[in-house]
């Protein structure tokens, strides 16, 4: 099963955004290496460069192992030290997607609710 998550946060104005973006890139690369079916994307808000949004699709069965990984622990600690708001993690329920679901590119999820 897949777990869909959204992570929202803002960092303090004195945070070096280039350094933060490098750390985010390393974190996303770690997620990619952890499991081939994980999908994770980070966005920076265009009107507020200190605000970020991450959207993740992770394989639920390996989520506990993912959270134990050193890169995951490092980034979450790093991020918490720099946030002015959040990080707030929200579990999402997929309604529709352009992703292939059950072999059909129909835009409608074949997954059960909450998966």
C-alpha atoms as a PDB file:
ATOM      1  CA  UNK A   1       0.000   0.000   0.000  1.00  0.00           C
ATOM      2  CA  UNK A   2       1.033   3.586  -0.547  1.00  0.00           C
ATOM      3  CA  UNK A   3       0.880   6.316   2.051  1.00  0.00           C
ATOM      4  CA  UNK A   4       0.441   9.843   0.726  1.00  0.00           C
ATOM      5  CA  UNK A   5       1.779  12.687   2.842  1.00  0.00           C
ATOM      6  CA  UNK A   6       2.139  16.435   2.724  1.00  0.00           C
ATOM      7  CA  UNK A   7       4.729  18.286   4.784  1.00  0.00           C
ATOM      8  CA  UNK A   8       4.370  22.064   5.221  1.00  0.00           C
ATOM      9  CA  UNK A   9       6.877  24.324   6.910  1.00  0.00           C
ATOM     10  CA  UNK A  10       8.465  27.753   6.926  1.00  0.00           C
ATOM     11  CA  UNK A  11      12.053  28.425   7.860  1.00  0.00           C
ATOM     12  CA  UNK A  12      13.417  31.433   9.712  1.00  0.00           C
ATOM     13  CA  UNK A  13      14.517  34.390   7.540  1.00  0.00           C
ATOM     14  CA  UNK A  14      18.175  33.977   8.502  1.00  0.00           C
ATOM     15  CA  UNK A  15      18.326  30.431   7.089  1.00  0.00           C
ATOM     16  CA  UNK A  16      20.637  30.060   4.099  1.00  0.00           C
ATOM     17  CA  UNK A  17      18.199  28.907   1.400  1.00  0.00           C
ATOM     18  CA  UNK A  18      20.900  27.477  -0.875  1.00  0.00           C
ATOM     19  CA  UNK A  19      22.156  25.309   2.000  1.00  0.00           C
ATOM     20  CA  UNK A  20      18.598  24.249   2.802  1.00  0.00           C
ATOM     21  CA  UNK A  21      17.870  23.326  -0.822  1.00  0.00           C
ATOM     22  CA  UNK A  22      21.036  21.216  -0.909  1.00  0.00           C
ATOM     23  CA  UNK A  23      19.916  19.408   2.258  1.00  0.00           C
ATOM     24  CA  UNK A  24      16.444  18.852   0.762  1.00  0.00           C
ATOM     25  CA  UNK A  25      18.016  17.433  -2.407  1.00  0.00           C
ATOM     26  CA  UNK A  26      20.121  14.997  -0.363  1.00  0.00           C
ATOM     27  CA  UNK A  27      17.047  13.975   1.643  1.00  0.00           C
ATOM     28  CA  UNK A  28      14.994  13.342  -1.505  1.00  0.00           C
ATOM     29  CA  UNK A  29      17.876  11.338  -3.008  1.00  0.00           C
ATOM     30  CA  UNK A  30      17.959   9.192   0.144  1.00  0.00           C
ATOM     31  CA  UNK A  31      14.247   8.499  -0.163  1.00  0.00           C
ATOM     32  CA  UNK A  32      14.740   7.530  -3.828  1.00  0.00           C
ATOM     33  CA  UNK A  33      17.543   5.107  -2.876  1.00  0.00           C
ATOM     34  CA  UNK A  34      15.505   3.575  -0.052  1.00  0.00           C
ATOM     35  CA  UNK A  35      12.794   2.042  -2.256  1.00  0.00           C
ATOM     36  CA  UNK A  36      12.172   2.215  -6.020  1.00  0.00           C
ATOM     37  CA  UNK A  37       8.440   2.862  -5.569  1.00  0.00           C
ATOM     38  CA  UNK A  38       8.798   5.894  -3.270  1.00  0.00           C
ATOM     39  CA  UNK A  39       7.913   9.222  -4.908  1.00  0.00           C
ATOM     40  CA  UNK A  40       8.800  12.461  -3.140  1.00  0.00           C
ATOM     41  CA  UNK A  41       8.823  16.059  -4.385  1.00  0.00           C
ATOM     42  CA  UNK A  42       9.717  19.299  -2.654  1.00  0.00           C
ATOM     43  CA  UNK A  43       8.322  22.702  -3.647  1.00  0.00           C
ATOM     44  CA  UNK A  44       9.255  26.247  -2.673  1.00  0.00           C
ATOM     45  CA  UNK A  45       6.414  28.756  -2.468  1.00  0.00           C
ATOM     46  CA  UNK A  46       6.840  31.398  -5.217  1.00  0.00           C
ATOM     47  CA  UNK A  47       5.519  34.295  -3.104  1.00  0.00           C
ATOM     48  CA  UNK A  48       7.363  33.299   0.089  1.00  0.00           C
ATOM     49  CA  UNK A  49      10.798  31.754  -0.523  1.00  0.00           C
ATOM     50  CA  UNK A  50      11.022  30.661   3.146  1.00  0.00           C
ATOM     51  CA  UNK A  51       7.931  28.434   2.829  1.00  0.00           C
ATOM     52  CA  UNK A  52       8.187  24.855   1.562  1.00  0.00           C
ATOM     53  CA  UNK A  53       5.791  22.041   0.746  1.00  0.00           C
ATOM     54  CA  UNK A  54       6.739  18.401   0.250  1.00  0.00           C
ATOM     55  CA  UNK A  55       4.459  15.763  -1.275  1.00  0.00           C
ATOM     56  CA  UNK A  56       5.350  12.129  -0.756  1.00  0.00           C
ATOM     57  CA  UNK A  57       4.077   8.770  -1.926  1.00  0.00           C
ATOM     58  CA  UNK A  58       5.830   6.138   0.136  1.00  0.00           C
ATOM     59  CA  UNK A  59       5.461   2.388   0.412  1.00  0.00           C
ATOM     60  CA  UNK A  60       3.686   2.027   3.749  1.00  0.00           C
ATOM     61  CA  UNK A  61       5.176  -1.357   4.616  1.00  0.00           C
ATOM     62  CA  UNK A  62       8.725   0.054   4.660  1.00  0.00           C
ATOM     63  CA  UNK A  63       7.878   3.426   6.236  1.00  0.00           C
ATOM     64  CA  UNK A  64       9.145   2.442   9.725  1.00  0.00           C
ATOM     65  CA  UNK A  65      12.494   1.423   8.209  1.00  0.00           C
ATOM     66  CA  UNK A  66      12.648   4.660   6.192  1.00  0.00           C
ATOM     67  CA  UNK A  67      12.173   6.739   9.331  1.00  0.00           C
ATOM     68  CA  UNK A  68      15.069   4.876  11.030  1.00  0.00           C
ATOM     69  CA  UNK A  69      17.564   5.661   8.262  1.00  0.00           C
ATOM     70  CA  UNK A  70      20.419   7.993   9.247  1.00  0.00           C
ATOM     71  CA  UNK A  71      19.730  10.399   6.352  1.00  0.00           C
ATOM     72  CA  UNK A  72      16.084  10.663   7.464  1.00  0.00           C
ATOM     73  CA  UNK A  73      17.009  11.278  11.118  1.00  0.00           C
ATOM     74  CA  UNK A  74      19.656  13.826  10.108  1.00  0.00           C
ATOM     75  CA  UNK A  75      17.350  15.836   7.848  1.00  0.00           C
ATOM     76  CA  UNK A  76      14.402  15.916  10.241  1.00  0.00           C
ATOM     77  CA  UNK A  77      16.652  17.173  13.045  1.00  0.00           C
ATOM     78  CA  UNK A  78      18.308  19.695  10.718  1.00  0.00           C
ATOM     79  CA  UNK A  79      14.920  20.971   9.559  1.00  0.00           C
ATOM     80  CA  UNK A  80      13.368  21.308  13.029  1.00  0.00           C
ATOM     81  CA  UNK A  81      16.273  23.540  14.093  1.00  0.00           C
ATOM     82  CA  UNK A  82      15.554  25.940  11.219  1.00  0.00           C
ATOM     83  CA  UNK A  83      11.752  26.101  11.159  1.00  0.00           C
ATOM     84  CA  UNK A  84       9.712  29.092  12.241  1.00  0.00           C
ATOM     85  CA  UNK A  85       6.484  27.126  11.596  1.00  0.00           C
ATOM     86  CA  UNK A  86       6.043  23.379  11.305  1.00  0.00           C
ATOM     87  CA  UNK A  87       6.960  20.994   9.965  1.00  0.00           C
ATOM     88  CA  UNK A  88       3.333  19.913   9.846  1.00  0.00           C
ATOM     89  CA  UNK A  89       2.787  16.435   8.395  1.00  0.00           C
ATOM     90  CA  UNK A  90      -0.628  15.565   6.972  1.00  0.00           C
ATOM     91  CA  UNK A  91      -1.694  12.151   5.715  1.00  0.00           C
ATOM     92  CA  UNK A  92      -3.641  12.450   2.468  1.00  0.00           C
ATOM     93  CA  UNK A  93      -6.185  10.198   0.776  1.00  0.00           C
ATOM     94  CA  UNK A  94      -5.774  10.075  -3.001  1.00  0.00           C
ATOM     95  CA  UNK A  95      -8.911  10.808  -5.012  1.00  0.00           C
ATOM     96  CA  UNK A  96      -7.573  10.825  -8.578  1.00  0.00           C
ATOM     97  CA  UNK A  97      -4.209  10.859 -10.310  1.00  0.00           C
ATOM     98  CA  UNK A  98      -2.605  10.824 -13.731  1.00  0.00           C
ATOM     99  CA  UNK A  99      -0.357   8.029 -12.442  1.00  0.00           C
ATOM    100  CA  UNK A 100      -0.958   4.558 -13.769  1.00  0.00           C
ATOM    101  CA  UNK A 101      -3.380   2.827 -11.400  1.00  0.00           C
ATOM    102  CA  UNK A 102      -3.877  -0.890 -11.900  1.00  0.00           C
ATOM    103  CA  UNK A 103      -2.323  -0.640 -15.355  1.00  0.00           C
ATOM    104  CA  UNK A 104      -4.786   1.999 -16.609  1.00  0.00           C
ATOM    105  CA  UNK A 105      -3.937   5.633 -17.208  1.00  0.00           C
ATOM    106  CA  UNK A 106      -7.467   6.762 -16.527  1.00  0.00           C
ATOM    107  CA  UNK A 107      -6.969   9.398 -13.840  1.00  0.00           C
ATOM    108  CA  UNK A 108      -9.062   7.438 -11.352  1.00  0.00           C
ATOM    109  CA  UNK A 109      -7.433   5.597  -8.505  1.00  0.00           C
ATOM    110  CA  UNK A 110      -8.094   1.893  -8.261  1.00  0.00           C
ATOM    111  CA  UNK A 111      -6.773   1.929  -4.712  1.00  0.00           C
ATOM    112  CA  UNK A 112      -9.074   1.479  -1.772  1.00  0.00           C
ATOM    113  CA  UNK A 113      -9.935   4.600   0.236  1.00  0.00           C
ATOM    114  CA  UNK A 114      -7.157   5.575   2.620  1.00  0.00           C
ATOM    115  CA  UNK A 115      -4.466   3.728   0.681  1.00  0.00           C
END
